[in-house]
Amino acid sequence: MQIVDAVKSKEEIKQVAYLPEKHYGTIYSHMWIFGVNAALRISDLRLITMDHALTGTITFREGKTNKHRSIPFKLHCYGRGTATS
């Protein structure tokens, strides 16, 4: 099994985020950055849908721990106002 180091700095996050953008597109880079910042496992990140994103809150049950998780965020970064408007 190969051992990998964690991404620890903002600079490393930017460097690693470039890879999915280069090979698959910007949306994958954005999702990876969101997952890192929200401390999501890839298995949980894959559960997020556009419907979750449009509500302003992502609510799901974590796969590994079975804990309920709710992550609020603002929608204004995509030109849709704020989560409360």
N, C-alpha and C. Protein backbone atom coordinates (compact mmCIF):
# COMPACT_ATOMS: atom_id res chain seq x y z
N MET A 1 0.85 -1.17 0.00
CA MET A 1 0.00 0.00 0.00
C MET A 1 0.89 1.23 0.00
N GLN A 2 0.49 2.23 -0.78
CA GLN A 2 1.25 3.47 -0.86
C GLN A 2 0.84 4.41 0.26
N ILE A 3 1.81 5.09 0.85
CA ILE A 3 1.54 6.05 1.92
C ILE A 3 1.53 7.45 1.30
N VAL A 4 0.52 8.23 1.65
CA VAL A 4 0.41 9.60 1.15
C VAL A 4 0.32 10.57 2.32
N ASP A 5 0.87 11.74 2.14
CA ASP A 5 0.81 12.77 3.17
C ASP A 5 -0.45 13.60 2.99
N ALA A 6 -0.95 14.13 4.10
CA ALA A 6 -2.13 15.00 4.06
C ALA A 6 -1.78 16.34 3.44
N VAL A 7 -2.77 16.95 2.83
CA VAL A 7 -2.63 18.31 2.32
C VAL A 7 -2.86 19.23 3.51
N LYS A 8 -1.85 20.03 3.84
CA LYS A 8 -1.92 20.79 5.09
C LYS A 8 -1.99 22.31 4.93
N SER A 9 -1.45 22.85 3.87
CA SER A 9 -1.43 24.31 3.74
C SER A 9 -2.35 24.78 2.61
N LYS A 10 -2.67 26.07 2.63
CA LYS A 10 -3.51 26.64 1.57
C LYS A 10 -2.82 26.51 0.21
N GLU A 11 -1.51 26.66 0.21
CA GLU A 11 -0.76 26.53 -1.04
C GLU A 11 -0.86 25.11 -1.59
N GLU A 12 -0.78 24.12 -0.71
CA GLU A 12 -0.91 22.73 -1.16
C GLU A 12 -2.32 22.45 -1.68
N ILE A 13 -3.33 23.04 -1.04
CA ILE A 13 -4.71 22.87 -1.50
C ILE A 13 -4.83 23.41 -2.93
N LYS A 14 -4.27 24.58 -3.19
CA LYS A 14 -4.32 25.16 -4.54
C LYS A 14 -3.60 24.28 -5.55
N GLN A 15 -2.44 23.75 -5.15
CA GLN A 15 -1.67 22.91 -6.06
C GLN A 15 -2.42 21.63 -6.41
N VAL A 16 -3.00 20.99 -5.41
CA VAL A 16 -3.72 19.74 -5.65
C VAL A 16 -5.04 20.00 -6.38
N ALA A 17 -5.69 21.12 -6.11
CA ALA A 17 -6.96 21.45 -6.77
C ALA A 17 -6.77 21.65 -8.26
N TYR A 18 -5.59 21.99 -8.68
CA TYR A 18 -5.31 22.18 -10.09
C TYR A 18 -5.47 20.87 -10.87
N LEU A 19 -5.16 19.75 -10.27
CA LEU A 19 -5.20 18.46 -10.97
C LEU A 19 -6.60 18.07 -11.45
N PRO A 20 -7.64 18.08 -10.59
CA PRO A 20 -8.97 17.74 -11.12
C PRO A 20 -9.46 18.77 -12.13
N GLU A 21 -9.09 20.04 -11.94
CA GLU A 21 -9.50 21.06 -12.90
C GLU A 21 -8.86 20.80 -14.27
N LYS A 22 -7.60 20.46 -14.26
CA LYS A 22 -6.88 20.20 -15.50
C LYS A 22 -7.45 19.00 -16.25
N HIS A 23 -7.76 17.93 -15.51
CA HIS A 23 -8.17 16.68 -16.15
C HIS A 23 -9.69 16.52 -16.32
N TYR A 24 -10.48 17.15 -15.43
CA TYR A 24 -11.93 16.88 -15.45
C TYR A 24 -12.80 18.14 -15.53
N GLY A 25 -12.28 19.30 -15.17
CA GLY A 25 -13.06 20.53 -15.23
C GLY A 25 -13.12 21.25 -13.90
N THR A 26 -13.53 22.49 -13.97
CA THR A 26 -13.55 23.37 -12.81
C THR A 26 -14.45 22.87 -11.68
N ILE A 27 -15.60 22.31 -12.02
CA ILE A 27 -16.53 21.88 -10.97
C ILE A 27 -15.90 20.85 -10.05
N TYR A 28 -15.08 19.97 -10.58
CA TYR A 28 -14.43 18.96 -9.75
C TYR A 28 -13.39 19.58 -8.83
N SER A 29 -12.72 20.60 -9.31
CA SER A 29 -11.77 21.33 -8.47
C SER A 29 -12.50 22.02 -7.33
N HIS A 30 -13.61 22.67 -7.64
CA HIS A 30 -14.39 23.36 -6.60
C HIS A 30 -14.93 22.37 -5.57
N MET A 31 -15.41 21.24 -6.03
CA MET A 31 -15.94 20.23 -5.09
C MET A 31 -14.83 19.70 -4.20
N TRP A 32 -13.64 19.50 -4.75
CA TRP A 32 -12.53 19.00 -3.94
C TRP A 32 -12.16 20.03 -2.87
N ILE A 33 -12.08 21.30 -3.26
CA ILE A 33 -11.77 22.36 -2.28
C ILE A 33 -12.84 22.43 -1.21
N PHE A 34 -14.11 22.35 -1.61
CA PHE A 34 -15.20 22.35 -0.63
C PHE A 34 -15.06 21.17 0.33
N GLY A 35 -14.78 19.99 -0.21
CA GLY A 35 -14.62 18.81 0.64
C GLY A 35 -13.50 18.94 1.64
N VAL A 36 -12.38 19.50 1.22
CA VAL A 36 -11.26 19.72 2.13
C VAL A 36 -11.65 20.70 3.23
N ASN A 37 -12.27 21.82 2.84
CA ASN A 37 -12.64 22.83 3.83
C ASN A 37 -13.74 22.38 4.78
N ALA A 38 -14.60 21.48 4.33
CA ALA A 38 -15.68 20.97 5.17
C ALA A 38 -15.29 19.67 5.88
N ALA A 39 -14.06 19.20 5.66
CA ALA A 39 -13.55 17.97 6.27
C ALA A 39 -14.43 16.76 5.91
N LEU A 40 -14.75 16.65 4.62
CA LEU A 40 -15.58 15.53 4.16
C LEU A 40 -14.72 14.42 3.58
N ARG A 41 -15.13 13.21 3.82
CA ARG A 41 -14.52 12.07 3.13
C ARG A 41 -15.05 12.06 1.70
N ILE A 42 -14.29 11.47 0.81
CA ILE A 42 -14.72 11.43 -0.59
C ILE A 42 -16.04 10.69 -0.73
N SER A 43 -16.26 9.66 0.07
CA SER A 43 -17.53 8.92 0.00
C SER A 43 -18.72 9.81 0.37
N ASP A 44 -18.52 10.75 1.31
CA ASP A 44 -19.59 11.67 1.69
C ASP A 44 -19.72 12.80 0.67
N LEU A 45 -18.62 13.25 0.15
CA LEU A 45 -18.64 14.31 -0.87
C LEU A 45 -19.41 13.86 -2.11
N ARG A 46 -19.31 12.60 -2.44
CA ARG A 46 -20.01 12.07 -3.63
C ARG A 46 -21.53 12.04 -3.45
N LEU A 47 -22.02 12.16 -2.22
CA LEU A 47 -23.47 12.14 -1.96
C LEU A 47 -24.14 13.49 -2.25
N ILE A 48 -23.35 14.55 -2.35
CA ILE A 48 -23.90 15.89 -2.54
C ILE A 48 -24.41 16.06 -3.96
N THR A 49 -25.63 16.59 -4.04
CA THR A 49 -26.25 16.82 -5.35
C THR A 49 -26.46 18.31 -5.57
N MET A 50 -26.84 18.68 -6.77
CA MET A 50 -27.13 20.08 -7.07
C MET A 50 -28.34 20.54 -6.25
N ASP A 51 -29.29 19.66 -5.98
CA ASP A 51 -30.43 20.03 -5.13
C ASP A 51 -29.96 20.48 -3.76
N HIS A 52 -28.98 19.78 -3.18
CA HIS A 52 -28.41 20.20 -1.90
C HIS A 52 -27.82 21.60 -2.03
N ALA A 53 -27.05 21.80 -3.07
CA ALA A 53 -26.36 23.07 -3.27
C ALA A 53 -27.33 24.23 -3.40
N LEU A 54 -28.46 24.03 -4.06
CA LEU A 54 -29.40 25.12 -4.30
C LEU A 54 -30.22 25.50 -3.07
N THR A 55 -30.26 24.65 -2.06
CA THR A 55 -31.02 24.98 -0.85
C THR A 55 -30.23 25.84 0.12
N GLY A 56 -28.90 25.87 -0.01
CA GLY A 56 -28.07 26.65 0.90
C GLY A 56 -27.63 25.85 2.11
N THR A 57 -28.08 24.60 2.22
CA THR A 57 -27.66 23.72 3.30
C THR A 57 -27.53 22.30 2.76
N ILE A 58 -26.44 21.69 3.09
CA ILE A 58 -26.23 20.29 2.72
C ILE A 58 -26.45 19.47 3.98
N THR A 59 -27.41 18.56 3.93
CA THR A 59 -27.72 17.71 5.07
C THR A 59 -27.64 16.26 4.63
N PHE A 60 -26.90 15.46 5.37
CA PHE A 60 -26.74 14.06 5.02
C PHE A 60 -26.25 13.27 6.24
N ARG A 61 -26.23 11.97 6.11
CA ARG A 61 -25.70 11.09 7.14
C ARG A 61 -24.35 10.57 6.66
N GLU A 62 -23.31 10.80 7.46
CA GLU A 62 -21.97 10.37 7.07
C GLU A 62 -21.91 8.86 6.94
N GLY A 63 -21.27 8.41 5.89
CA GLY A 63 -21.21 6.98 5.60
C GLY A 63 -20.43 6.17 6.62
N LYS A 64 -19.25 6.64 7.00
CA LYS A 64 -18.39 5.85 7.88
C LYS A 64 -18.87 5.88 9.34
N THR A 65 -19.26 7.06 9.83
CA THR A 65 -19.63 7.20 11.24
C THR A 65 -21.12 7.13 11.48
N ASN A 66 -21.93 7.25 10.42
CA ASN A 66 -23.38 7.26 10.51
C ASN A 66 -23.92 8.46 11.30
N LYS A 67 -23.10 9.51 11.43
CA LYS A 67 -23.53 10.73 12.13
C LYS A 67 -24.28 11.63 11.16
N HIS A 68 -25.29 12.34 11.69
CA HIS A 68 -26.03 13.31 10.91
C HIS A 68 -25.16 14.56 10.77
N ARG A 69 -25.11 15.13 9.57
CA ARG A 69 -24.26 16.30 9.33
C ARG A 69 -25.03 17.31 8.52
N SER A 70 -24.95 18.58 8.91
CA SER A 70 -25.59 19.67 8.19
C SER A 70 -24.56 20.77 7.99
N ILE A 71 -24.38 21.22 6.74
CA ILE A 71 -23.39 22.23 6.42
C ILE A 71 -24.09 23.39 5.72
N PRO A 72 -24.25 24.54 6.40
CA PRO A 72 -24.84 25.71 5.75
C PRO A 72 -23.79 26.45 4.94
N PHE A 73 -24.21 27.11 3.86
CA PHE A 73 -23.29 27.95 3.10
C PHE A 73 -24.07 29.02 2.37
N LYS A 74 -23.38 30.05 1.94
CA LYS A 74 -24.01 31.16 1.24
C LYS A 74 -24.05 30.89 -0.25
N LEU A 75 -25.15 31.27 -0.88
CA LEU A 75 -25.32 31.05 -2.31
C LEU A 75 -24.85 32.22 -3.15
N HIS A 76 -24.53 33.35 -2.54
CA HIS A 76 -24.21 34.55 -3.32
C HIS A 76 -22.97 34.39 -4.19
N CYS A 77 -22.10 33.46 -3.88
CA CYS A 77 -20.89 33.29 -4.69
C CYS A 77 -21.21 32.81 -6.10
N TYR A 78 -22.43 32.34 -6.33
CA TYR A 78 -22.81 31.89 -7.66
C TYR A 78 -23.90 32.78 -8.25
N GLY A 79 -24.03 34.00 -7.70
CA GLY A 79 -24.96 34.97 -8.28
C GLY A 79 -26.41 34.67 -8.00
N ARG A 80 -26.71 33.95 -6.92
CA ARG A 80 -28.09 33.59 -6.61
C ARG A 80 -28.58 34.27 -5.32
N GLY A 81 -27.94 35.33 -4.88
CA GLY A 81 -28.33 35.98 -3.63
C GLY A 81 -27.74 35.25 -2.46
N THR A 82 -28.28 35.46 -1.29
CA THR A 82 -27.81 34.76 -0.10
C THR A 82 -28.76 33.65 0.25
N ALA A 83 -28.37 32.82 1.18
CA ALA A 83 -29.21 31.69 1.57
C ALA A 83 -30.54 32.16 2.16
N THR A 84 -30.59 33.38 2.68
CA THR A 84 -31.82 33.87 3.31
C THR A 84 -32.68 34.68 2.35
N SER A 85 -32.20 34.98 1.15
CA SER A 85 -33.01 35.81 0.25
C SER A 85 -33.76 34.97 -0.76
